[in-house]
Amino acid sequence: TYTPRLFGSVWAEARGVFSLTDYSGAEFDTAYQYIELGPSIRTKRIQVSALGNFSKRQLSNDDFSTSQGARLLIRTPLTSRTGLSFRVSASDIDYNDTNNRDGTLYSVGATVTRALDQQTFGAISFDVAQENTEDSVQENMRYTLGLSLSRELPLAITAQVSPYYTYRDYQTPNEAFLTDTETGLVETQLDQNYGVSISLTKRDWRVRSFAPIFTYRYAKTSSNLSLVEFDRHSFEFGLTRNF
């Protein structure tokens, strides 16, 4: 993330992400790139950012999908200890080999942040997303609730716990996978995703001025379509620094 001041109350806001997953002994290694850039108006009472974005996914060294879109972010303090942010976005998604999934993703959400005391910071967020696709079976509405609580602990440790829950409702019955062989009735796909991440940052440890972050993540998807169900545990190590 890079946010230089241009002039007066006008700033630039830029972000970039690159992710590479190398599966041992498998042929489906994945890569993901994301960039966004745009102007940001910042005053004491409000921050408004208008950002264009582009992303690309690759699977087994082949292009899998690309997207381009825009985001509008509005942030304002409600009190000296409470803040509110609002976001709305739209992205056009193009899949290279599965054109039936091509479409547009619309999303709107809000987050309330609160400094509970000098050592504790909390946040609650809610997002709604609608995905429209060429194949109506893939169209879905998604609702996500997220919580976050971070606290400064002794020994220069910052701990953060972030649980979330997502409900995804597909809007067209799935005849290929969800037809009851006895009654002939066809169901729509319903997914539930939930999980939690737990992070520890050791602020007084430094690797060339970068502080280490240790993270455990758990994610689970349950569905009436068993093909998409999974449990995932992961441990991550990262480095962070503010410039």
C-alpha atoms as a PDB file:
ATOM      1  CA  THR A   1       0.000   0.000   0.000  1.00  0.00           C
ATOM      2  CA  TYR A   2       1.263   3.491  -0.903  1.00  0.00           C
ATOM      3  CA  THR A   3      -0.609   6.714  -0.115  1.00  0.00           C
ATOM      4  CA  PRO A   4       1.432   9.830  -0.994  1.00  0.00           C
ATOM      5  CA  ARG A   5       0.039  13.327  -0.533  1.00  0.00           C
ATOM      6  CA  LEU A   6      -0.243  15.149  -3.866  1.00  0.00           C
ATOM      7  CA  PHE A   7      -1.410  18.630  -2.879  1.00  0.00           C
ATOM      8  CA  GLY A   8      -3.756  20.182  -0.314  1.00  0.00           C
ATOM      9  CA  SER A   9      -6.347  17.591   0.713  1.00  0.00           C
ATOM     10  CA  VAL A  10      -5.723  15.397  -2.353  1.00  0.00           C
ATOM     11  CA  TRP A  11      -3.787  12.154  -1.902  1.00  0.00           C
ATOM     12  CA  ALA A  12      -3.057   9.181  -4.128  1.00  0.00           C
ATOM     13  CA  GLU A  13      -4.039   5.721  -2.931  1.00  0.00           C
ATOM     14  CA  ALA A  14      -2.424   2.617  -4.414  1.00  0.00           C
ATOM     15  CA  ARG A  15      -2.361  -1.079  -3.471  1.00  0.00           C
ATOM     16  CA  GLY A  16      -0.795  -4.141  -4.988  1.00  0.00           C
ATOM     17  CA  VAL A  17      -0.979  -7.846  -4.088  1.00  0.00           C
ATOM     18  CA  PHE A  18       0.905 -10.806  -5.498  1.00  0.00           C
ATOM     19  CA  SER A  19       0.211 -14.335  -4.249  1.00  0.00           C
ATOM     20  CA  LEU A  20       1.772 -17.603  -5.412  1.00  0.00           C
ATOM     21  CA  THR A  21       0.763 -21.059  -4.149  1.00  0.00           C
ATOM     22  CA  ASP A  22       3.056 -23.978  -4.980  1.00  0.00           C
ATOM     23  CA  TYR A  23       1.399 -27.374  -4.390  1.00  0.00           C
ATOM     24  CA  SER A  24       3.914 -30.147  -3.826  1.00  0.00           C
ATOM     25  CA  GLY A  25       3.594 -32.901  -6.427  1.00  0.00           C
ATOM     26  CA  ALA A  26       0.517 -31.312  -8.033  1.00  0.00           C
ATOM     27  CA  GLU A  27      -0.181 -29.674 -11.383  1.00  0.00           C
ATOM     28  CA  PHE A  28      -2.520 -26.906 -10.198  1.00  0.00           C
ATOM     29  CA  ASP A  29      -0.186 -24.291  -8.709  1.00  0.00           C
ATOM     30  CA  THR A  30      -1.949 -20.934  -8.548  1.00  0.00           C
ATOM     31  CA  ALA A  31      -0.991 -17.263  -8.853  1.00  0.00           C
ATOM     32  CA  TYR A  32      -2.976 -14.095  -8.148  1.00  0.00           C
ATOM     33  CA  GLN A  33      -2.195 -10.432  -8.852  1.00  0.00           C
ATOM     34  CA  TYR A  34      -4.270  -7.411  -7.851  1.00  0.00           C
ATOM     35  CA  ILE A  35      -3.656  -3.684  -8.257  1.00  0.00           C
ATOM     36  CA  GLU A  36      -5.802  -0.634  -7.568  1.00  0.00           C
ATOM     37  CA  LEU A  37      -5.090   3.072  -7.906  1.00  0.00           C
ATOM     38  CA  GLY A  38      -6.961   6.344  -7.651  1.00  0.00           C
ATOM     39  CA  PRO A  39      -7.326   9.734  -5.953  1.00  0.00           C
ATOM     40  CA  SER A  40      -8.357  10.239  -2.334  1.00  0.00           C
ATOM     41  CA  ILE A  41      -9.825  13.426  -0.833  1.00  0.00           C
ATOM     42  CA  ARG A  42      -8.967  13.625   2.863  1.00  0.00           C
ATOM     43  CA  THR A  43     -10.243  16.165   5.395  1.00  0.00           C
ATOM     44  CA  LYS A  44     -10.683  16.009   9.161  1.00  0.00           C
ATOM     45  CA  ARG A  45     -14.289  14.878   8.787  1.00  0.00           C
ATOM     46  CA  ILE A  46     -14.255  12.597   5.748  1.00  0.00           C
ATOM     47  CA  GLN A  47     -12.076  10.602   3.366  1.00  0.00           C
ATOM     48  CA  VAL A  48     -13.374   9.700  -0.098  1.00  0.00           C
ATOM     49  CA  SER A  49     -11.372   7.406  -2.405  1.00  0.00           C
ATOM     50  CA  ALA A  50     -12.305   6.481  -5.993  1.00  0.00           C
ATOM     51  CA  LEU A  51     -10.195   3.532  -7.136  1.00  0.00           C
ATOM     52  CA  GLY A  52      -9.911   1.589 -10.364  1.00  0.00           C
ATOM     53  CA  ASN A  53      -8.679  -1.994 -10.067  1.00  0.00           C
ATOM     54  CA  PHE A  54      -7.455  -4.965 -12.082  1.00  0.00           C
ATOM     55  CA  SER A  55      -6.827  -8.579 -11.058  1.00  0.00           C
ATOM     56  CA  LYS A  56      -5.603 -11.762 -12.714  1.00  0.00           C
ATOM     57  CA  ARG A  57      -5.630 -15.413 -11.647  1.00  0.00           C
ATOM     58  CA  GLN A  58      -3.525 -18.198 -13.113  1.00  0.00           C
ATOM     59  CA  LEU A  59      -3.890 -21.967 -12.696  1.00  0.00           C
ATOM     60  CA  SER A  60      -1.177 -24.449 -13.700  1.00  0.00           C
ATOM     61  CA  ASN A  61       0.709 -21.648 -15.501  1.00  0.00           C
ATOM     62  CA  ASP A  62      -2.365 -20.885 -17.638  1.00  0.00           C
ATOM     63  CA  ASP A  63      -4.562 -17.802 -17.379  1.00  0.00           C
ATOM     64  CA  PHE A  64      -7.720 -18.639 -15.418  1.00  0.00           C
ATOM     65  CA  SER A  65      -9.575 -15.327 -15.064  1.00  0.00           C
ATOM     66  CA  THR A  66      -9.187 -11.556 -15.204  1.00  0.00           C
ATOM     67  CA  SER A  67     -11.302  -8.776 -13.752  1.00  0.00           C
ATOM     68  CA  GLN A  68     -11.459  -5.004 -13.903  1.00  0.00           C
ATOM     69  CA  GLY A  69     -13.658  -2.653 -11.970  1.00  0.00           C
ATOM     70  CA  ALA A  70     -13.922   0.235  -9.555  1.00  0.00           C
ATOM     71  CA  ARG A  71     -14.371   0.852  -5.828  1.00  0.00           C
ATOM     72  CA  LEU A  72     -15.664   3.854  -3.906  1.00  0.00           C
ATOM     73  CA  LEU A  73     -14.553   4.128  -0.254  1.00  0.00           C
ATOM     74  CA  ILE A  74     -15.980   6.658   2.209  1.00  0.00           C
ATOM     75  CA  ARG A  75     -14.526   6.909   5.721  1.00  0.00           C
ATOM     76  CA  THR A  76     -15.540   9.270   8.519  1.00  0.00           C
ATOM     77  CA  PRO A  77     -15.106   9.484  12.321  1.00  0.00           C
ATOM     78  CA  LEU A  78     -18.340   9.308  14.316  1.00  0.00           C
ATOM     79  CA  THR A  79     -16.698  10.158  17.649  1.00  0.00           C
ATOM     80  CA  SER A  80     -13.139  10.458  18.912  1.00  0.00           C
ATOM     81  CA  ARG A  81     -13.106   6.659  19.403  1.00  0.00           C
ATOM     82  CA  THR A  82     -15.495   5.385  16.714  1.00  0.00           C
ATOM     83  CA  GLY A  83     -15.190   5.372  12.930  1.00  0.00           C
ATOM     84  CA  LEU A  84     -17.456   4.362  10.043  1.00  0.00           C
ATOM     85  CA  SER A  85     -16.457   3.285   6.545  1.00  0.00           C
ATOM     86  CA  PHE A  86     -18.716   2.571   3.583  1.00  0.00           C
ATOM     87  CA  ARG A  87     -17.737   0.868   0.320  1.00  0.00           C
ATOM     88  CA  VAL A  88     -19.371   0.001  -2.983  1.00  0.00           C
ATOM     89  CA  SER A  89     -17.764  -1.765  -5.934  1.00  0.00           C
ATOM     90  CA  ALA A  90     -18.440  -3.342  -9.314  1.00  0.00           C
ATOM     91  CA  SER A  91     -16.161  -5.719 -11.237  1.00  0.00           C
ATOM     92  CA  ASP A  92     -16.435  -7.348 -14.649  1.00  0.00           C
ATOM     93  CA  ILE A  93     -15.020 -10.896 -14.499  1.00  0.00           C
ATOM     94  CA  ASP A  94     -13.844 -12.870 -17.534  1.00  0.00           C
ATOM     95  CA  TYR A  95     -12.990 -16.591 -17.243  1.00  0.00           C
ATOM     96  CA  ASN A  96     -10.693 -17.939 -19.940  1.00  0.00           C
ATOM     97  CA  ASP A  97     -12.063 -21.494 -20.263  1.00  0.00           C
ATOM     98  CA  THR A  98     -15.487 -21.375 -18.586  1.00  0.00           C
ATOM     99  CA  ASN A  99     -17.401 -18.595 -20.336  1.00  0.00           C
ATOM    100  CA  ASN A 100     -20.623 -19.575 -18.593  1.00  0.00           C
ATOM    101  CA  ARG A 101     -19.207 -17.976 -15.420  1.00  0.00           C
ATOM    102  CA  ASP A 102     -18.385 -14.633 -17.071  1.00  0.00           C
ATOM    103  CA  GLY A 103     -20.304 -11.799 -15.498  1.00  0.00           C
ATOM    104  CA  THR A 104     -20.358  -8.868 -13.108  1.00  0.00           C
ATOM    105  CA  LEU A 105     -19.909  -8.791  -9.346  1.00  0.00           C
ATOM    106  CA  TYR A 106     -21.556  -5.971  -7.370  1.00  0.00           C
ATOM    107  CA  SER A 107     -20.752  -5.424  -3.699  1.00  0.00           C
ATOM    108  CA  VAL A 108     -21.711  -2.993  -0.943  1.00  0.00           C
ATOM    109  CA  GLY A 109     -20.568  -3.006   2.669  1.00  0.00           C
ATOM    110  CA  ALA A 110     -19.862  -1.037   5.822  1.00  0.00           C
ATOM    111  CA  THR A 111     -17.506  -1.305   8.798  1.00  0.00           C
ATOM    112  CA  VAL A 112     -17.723   0.256  12.250  1.00  0.00           C
ATOM    113  CA  THR A 113     -14.461   0.519  14.210  1.00  0.00           C
ATOM    114  CA  ARG A 114     -14.118   1.318  17.897  1.00  0.00           C
ATOM    115  CA  ALA A 115     -11.213   1.944  20.258  1.00  0.00           C
ATOM    116  CA  LEU A 116     -12.446   0.148  23.377  1.00  0.00           C
ATOM    117  CA  ASP A 117      -9.528   1.385  25.481  1.00  0.00           C
ATOM    118  CA  GLN A 118      -5.895   2.357  24.964  1.00  0.00           C
ATOM    119  CA  GLN A 119      -4.882  -1.265  24.285  1.00  0.00           C
ATOM    120  CA  THR A 120      -8.003  -2.733  22.615  1.00  0.00           C
ATOM    121  CA  PHE A 121      -9.462  -2.084  19.176  1.00  0.00           C
ATOM    122  CA  GLY A 122     -12.569  -3.708  17.678  1.00  0.00           C
ATOM    123  CA  ALA A 123     -14.420  -3.723  14.357  1.00  0.00           C
ATOM    124  CA  ILE A 124     -17.601  -5.188  12.879  1.00  0.00           C
ATOM    125  CA  SER A 125     -18.319  -5.328   9.150  1.00  0.00           C
ATOM    126  CA  PHE A 126     -21.174  -6.457   6.925  1.00  0.00           C
ATOM    127  CA  ASP A 127     -21.071  -6.971   3.150  1.00  0.00           C
ATOM    128  CA  VAL A 128     -23.621  -7.960   0.525  1.00  0.00           C
ATOM    129  CA  ALA A 129     -22.541  -9.087  -2.941  1.00  0.00           C
ATOM    130  CA  GLN A 130     -24.514 -10.065  -6.046  1.00  0.00           C
ATOM    131  CA  GLU A 131     -22.794 -12.079  -8.776  1.00  0.00           C
ATOM    132  CA  ASN A 132     -24.488 -12.085 -12.199  1.00  0.00           C
ATOM    133  CA  THR A 133     -23.215 -14.660 -14.710  1.00  0.00           C
ATOM    134  CA  GLU A 134     -24.000 -15.831 -18.233  1.00  0.00           C
ATOM    135  CA  ASP A 135     -25.129 -19.210 -16.853  1.00  0.00           C
ATOM    136  CA  SER A 136     -27.924 -18.454 -14.388  1.00  0.00           C
ATOM    137  CA  VAL A 137     -27.027 -21.542 -12.303  1.00  0.00           C
ATOM    138  CA  GLN A 138     -23.844 -19.733 -11.219  1.00  0.00           C
ATOM    139  CA  GLU A 139     -25.645 -16.536 -10.111  1.00  0.00           C
ATOM    140  CA  ASN A 140     -25.667 -15.997  -6.368  1.00  0.00           C
ATOM    141  CA  MET A 141     -26.192 -13.527  -3.542  1.00  0.00           C
ATOM    142  CA  ARG A 142     -23.586 -13.485  -0.752  1.00  0.00           C
ATOM    143  CA  TYR A 143     -23.861 -12.065   2.782  1.00  0.00           C
ATOM    144  CA  THR A 144     -20.768 -11.774   4.993  1.00  0.00           C
ATOM    145  CA  LEU A 145     -20.467 -10.766   8.655  1.00  0.00           C
ATOM    146  CA  GLY A 146     -16.998 -10.186  10.070  1.00  0.00           C
ATOM    147  CA  LEU A 147     -15.669  -9.291  13.506  1.00  0.00           C
ATOM    148  CA  SER A 148     -12.201  -8.273  14.625  1.00  0.00           C
ATOM    149  CA  LEU A 149     -10.640  -7.667  18.026  1.00  0.00           C
ATOM    150  CA  SER A 150      -7.018  -6.665  18.550  1.00  0.00           C
ATOM    151  CA  ARG A 151      -5.208  -5.975  21.802  1.00  0.00           C
ATOM    152  CA  GLU A 152      -1.759  -4.843  22.867  1.00  0.00           C
ATOM    153  CA  LEU A 153      -0.329  -7.441  25.254  1.00  0.00           C
ATOM    154  CA  PRO A 154       2.770  -7.484  27.476  1.00  0.00           C
ATOM    155  CA  LEU A 155       6.162  -8.291  25.929  1.00  0.00           C
ATOM    156  CA  ALA A 156       5.372  -6.019  22.915  1.00  0.00           C
ATOM    157  CA  ILE A 157       2.905  -8.517  21.444  1.00  0.00           C
ATOM    158  CA  THR A 158      -0.195  -7.506  19.477  1.00  0.00           C
ATOM    159  CA  ALA A 159      -2.890 -10.191  19.251  1.00  0.00           C
ATOM    160  CA  GLN A 160      -5.785 -10.113  16.778  1.00  0.00           C
ATOM    161  CA  VAL A 161      -8.761 -12.482  16.465  1.00  0.00           C
ATOM    162  CA  SER A 162     -11.038 -12.200  13.402  1.00  0.00           C
ATOM    163  CA  PRO A 163     -13.993 -14.587  12.975  1.00  0.00           C
ATOM    164  CA  TYR A 164     -16.339 -14.392   9.961  1.00  0.00           C
ATOM    165  CA  TYR A 165     -19.467 -16.008   8.522  1.00  0.00           C
ATOM    166  CA  THR A 166     -20.690 -16.032   4.892  1.00  0.00           C
ATOM    167  CA  TYR A 167     -24.033 -17.254   3.541  1.00  0.00           C
ATOM    168  CA  ARG A 168     -24.226 -17.759  -0.237  1.00  0.00           C
ATOM    169  CA  ASP A 169     -27.575 -18.353  -1.934  1.00  0.00           C
ATOM    170  CA  TYR A 170     -27.569 -19.519  -5.554  1.00  0.00           C
ATOM    171  CA  GLN A 171     -30.724 -18.320  -7.282  1.00  0.00           C
ATOM    172  CA  THR A 172     -31.351 -20.986  -9.950  1.00  0.00           C
ATOM    173  CA  PRO A 173     -31.976 -24.713  -9.253  1.00  0.00           C
ATOM    174  CA  ASN A 174     -28.973 -26.861 -10.122  1.00  0.00           C
ATOM    175  CA  GLU A 175     -30.343 -29.724 -12.224  1.00  0.00           C
ATOM    176  CA  ALA A 176     -26.901 -31.247 -12.883  1.00  0.00           C
ATOM    177  CA  PHE A 177     -25.984 -31.896  -9.242  1.00  0.00           C
ATOM    178  CA  LEU A 178     -28.985 -31.238  -6.989  1.00  0.00           C
ATOM    179  CA  THR A 179     -31.836 -33.292  -8.446  1.00  0.00           C
ATOM    180  CA  ASP A 180     -33.497 -35.727  -6.039  1.00  0.00           C
ATOM    181  CA  THR A 181     -33.539 -39.082  -7.862  1.00  0.00           C
ATOM    182  CA  GLU A 182     -36.667 -40.254  -6.001  1.00  0.00           C
ATOM    183  CA  THR A 183     -38.893 -37.178  -6.197  1.00  0.00           C
ATOM    184  CA  GLY A 184     -37.385 -35.381  -9.191  1.00  0.00           C
ATOM    185  CA  LEU A 185     -37.248 -32.136  -7.231  1.00  0.00           C
ATOM    186  CA  VAL A 186     -34.343 -29.779  -7.989  1.00  0.00           C
ATOM    187  CA  GLU A 187     -32.666 -27.683  -5.278  1.00  0.00           C
ATOM    188  CA  THR A 188     -30.757 -24.432  -5.409  1.00  0.00           C
ATOM    189  CA  GLN A 189     -27.221 -24.556  -4.042  1.00  0.00           C
ATOM    190  CA  LEU A 190     -26.778 -23.095  -0.536  1.00  0.00           C
ATOM    191  CA  ASP A 191     -23.271 -22.607   0.904  1.00  0.00           C
ATOM    192  CA  GLN A 192     -22.092 -21.499   4.326  1.00  0.00           C
ATOM    193  CA  ASN A 193     -18.502 -20.421   4.940  1.00  0.00           C
ATOM    194  CA  TYR A 194     -17.122 -19.659   8.360  1.00  0.00           C
ATOM    195  CA  GLY A 195     -13.750 -19.430   9.946  1.00  0.00           C
ATOM    196  CA  VAL A 196     -11.348 -17.488  12.108  1.00  0.00           C
ATOM    197  CA  SER A 197      -7.829 -16.093  11.947  1.00  0.00           C
ATOM    198  CA  ILE A 198      -5.593 -15.555  14.980  1.00  0.00           C
ATOM    199  CA  SER A 199      -2.488 -13.375  14.567  1.00  0.00           C
ATOM    200  CA  LEU A 200       0.400 -12.455  16.840  1.00  0.00           C
ATOM    201  CA  THR A 201       2.800  -9.621  16.021  1.00  0.00           C
ATOM    202  CA  LYS A 202       6.056  -9.224  17.992  1.00  0.00           C
ATOM    203  CA  ARG A 203       6.644  -5.504  17.687  1.00  0.00           C
ATOM    204  CA  ASP A 204      10.115  -5.393  19.245  1.00  0.00           C
ATOM    205  CA  TRP A 205      11.545  -8.135  17.003  1.00  0.00           C
ATOM    206  CA  ARG A 206      13.033  -6.768  13.818  1.00  0.00           C
ATOM    207  CA  VAL A 207      14.245  -8.315  10.589  1.00  0.00           C
ATOM    208  CA  ARG A 208      15.814  -5.332   8.802  1.00  0.00           C
ATOM    209  CA  SER A 209      13.165  -3.116  10.472  1.00  0.00           C
ATOM    210  CA  PHE A 210      10.294  -5.488   9.620  1.00  0.00           C
ATOM    211  CA  ALA A 211       8.212  -6.967  12.451  1.00  0.00           C
ATOM    212  CA  PRO A 212       7.143 -10.636  12.190  1.00  0.00           C
ATOM    213  CA  ILE A 213       3.496 -11.785  12.145  1.00  0.00           C
ATOM    214  CA  PHE A 214       2.468 -15.354  13.015  1.00  0.00           C
ATOM    215  CA  THR A 215      -1.054 -16.322  11.861  1.00  0.00           C
ATOM    216  CA  TYR A 216      -3.284 -19.388  12.174  1.00  0.00           C
ATOM    217  CA  ARG A 217      -6.336 -19.600   9.902  1.00  0.00           C
ATOM    218  CA  TYR A 218      -9.256 -22.027   9.915  1.00  0.00           C
ATOM    219  CA  ALA A 219     -11.913 -22.072   7.199  1.00  0.00           C
ATOM    220  CA  LYS A 220     -14.844 -24.397   6.585  1.00  0.00           C
ATOM    221  CA  THR A 221     -17.444 -24.588   3.817  1.00  0.00           C
ATOM    222  CA  SER A 222     -20.641 -26.572   4.289  1.00  0.00           C
ATOM    223  CA  SER A 223     -23.139 -26.977   1.450  1.00  0.00           C
ATOM    224  CA  ASN A 224     -25.981 -29.076   0.122  1.00  0.00           C
ATOM    225  CA  LEU A 225     -23.576 -29.710  -2.800  1.00  0.00           C
ATOM    226  CA  SER A 226     -20.951 -31.964  -1.227  1.00  0.00           C
ATOM    227  CA  LEU A 227     -18.450 -31.325  -4.052  1.00  0.00           C
ATOM    228  CA  VAL A 228     -17.624 -27.892  -2.653  1.00  0.00           C
ATOM    229  CA  GLU A 229     -17.361 -28.805   1.047  1.00  0.00           C
ATOM    230  CA  PHE A 230     -13.956 -28.541   2.717  1.00  0.00           C
ATOM    231  CA  ASP A 231     -12.025 -27.795   5.918  1.00  0.00           C
ATOM    232  CA  ARG A 232      -8.729 -25.912   5.792  1.00  0.00           C
ATOM    233  CA  HIS A 233      -6.103 -25.214   8.451  1.00  0.00           C
ATOM    234  CA  SER A 234      -3.134 -23.000   7.628  1.00  0.00           C
ATOM    235  CA  PHE A 235      -0.211 -21.400   9.417  1.00  0.00           C
ATOM    236  CA  GLU A 236       1.424 -18.301   7.987  1.00  0.00           C
ATOM    237  CA  PHE A 237       4.486 -16.230   8.695  1.00  0.00           C
ATOM    238  CA  GLY A 238       4.755 -12.654   7.453  1.00  0.00           C
ATOM    239  CA  LEU A 239       6.712  -9.423   7.850  1.00  0.00           C
ATOM    240  CA  THR A 240       5.207  -5.940   8.156  1.00  0.00           C
ATOM    241  CA  ARG A 241       6.476  -2.394   8.302  1.00  0.00           C
ATOM    242  CA  ASN A 242       5.007   1.098   8.091  1.00  0.00           C
ATOM    243  CA  PHE A 243       7.132   3.589   6.145  1.00  0.00           C
END
